[in-house]
Amino acid sequence: MNNHPESLCQRCHRPIVTWFAPSPLWNKAVREVNAEEILCPVCFVQLAEAAGIRPTAWQVTPESTPL
């Protein structure tokens, strides 16, 4: 297992994938509740919804797709 500190979510401690959210969304969801900076997508969505961000669904898309 990878022992790098960014390899686990700091809330649920599960393995994490490399991902990102746009800065305005991240700031509203995470910074306003002073959450840890390294989060898995599930924990991020939970914080976003707690911050009042409640879309009908969350979309997962690749940043780039190799051909």
Protein backbone atom coordinates (compact mmCIF):
# COMPACT_ATOMS: atom_id res chain seq x y z
CA MET A 1 0.00 0.00 0.00
CA ASN A 2 1.17 3.52 -0.77
CA ASN A 3 2.21 5.33 2.43
CA HIS A 4 2.10 8.80 0.90
CA PRO A 5 -0.08 11.11 3.03
CA GLU A 6 -2.21 12.00 0.00
CA SER A 7 -3.03 8.37 -0.79
CA LEU A 8 -5.83 8.25 1.82
CA CYS A 9 -8.85 10.44 2.46
CA GLN A 10 -8.29 12.39 5.66
CA ARG A 11 -11.94 11.98 6.68
CA CYS A 12 -12.79 8.32 5.95
CA HIS A 13 -9.20 6.98 5.58
CA ARG A 14 -10.01 5.03 2.43
CA PRO A 15 -7.72 4.98 -0.63
CA ILE A 16 -8.17 8.01 -2.84
CA VAL A 17 -7.99 8.58 -6.58
CA THR A 18 -6.42 11.66 -8.14
CA TRP A 19 -9.28 14.09 -8.71
CA PHE A 20 -10.20 17.76 -8.40
CA ALA A 21 -13.16 20.11 -8.19
CA PRO A 22 -13.29 23.66 -9.58
CA SER A 23 -11.90 26.12 -7.01
CA PRO A 24 -15.17 28.03 -6.32
CA LEU A 25 -16.99 24.75 -5.64
CA TRP A 26 -14.14 23.38 -3.50
CA ASN A 27 -13.94 26.60 -1.49
CA LYS A 28 -17.67 26.70 -0.76
CA ALA A 29 -17.85 23.01 0.13
CA VAL A 30 -14.60 22.53 2.03
CA ARG A 31 -12.99 25.73 3.21
CA GLU A 32 -16.15 27.10 4.85
CA VAL A 33 -16.28 24.10 7.22
CA ASN A 34 -12.49 23.99 7.74
CA ALA A 35 -12.26 20.42 6.48
CA GLU A 36 -9.02 18.61 5.77
CA GLU A 37 -7.56 19.29 2.34
CA ILE A 38 -7.22 15.70 1.10
CA LEU A 39 -10.65 14.19 0.50
CA CYS A 40 -12.13 11.36 -1.52
CA PRO A 41 -14.98 12.28 -3.88
CA VAL A 42 -17.61 10.77 -1.53
CA CYS A 43 -16.47 12.83 1.47
CA PHE A 44 -16.28 15.94 -0.72
CA VAL A 45 -19.87 15.44 -1.89
CA GLN A 46 -21.01 14.99 1.71
CA LEU A 47 -19.36 18.28 2.69
CA ALA A 48 -20.72 20.04 -0.39
CA GLU A 49 -24.25 18.91 0.39
CA ALA A 50 -23.82 19.97 4.03
CA ALA A 51 -22.75 23.41 2.73
CA GLY A 52 -26.02 23.68 0.77
CA ILE A 53 -24.76 22.50 -2.64
CA ARG A 54 -27.39 19.96 -3.69
CA PRO A 55 -27.49 19.26 -7.43
CA THR A 56 -29.80 16.56 -8.73
CA ALA A 57 -26.70 14.44 -9.42
CA TRP A 58 -22.91 14.63 -9.44
CA GLN A 59 -21.04 14.16 -12.72
CA VAL A 60 -17.74 12.30 -13.02
CA THR A 61 -15.72 13.10 -16.14
CA PRO A 62 -12.07 12.48 -17.03
CA GLU A 63 -9.77 15.48 -17.25
CA SER A 64 -8.34 14.09 -20.47
CA THR A 65 -8.84 10.87 -22.36
CA PRO A 66 -5.91 9.09 -24.04
CA LEU A 67 -6.62 8.15 -27.64
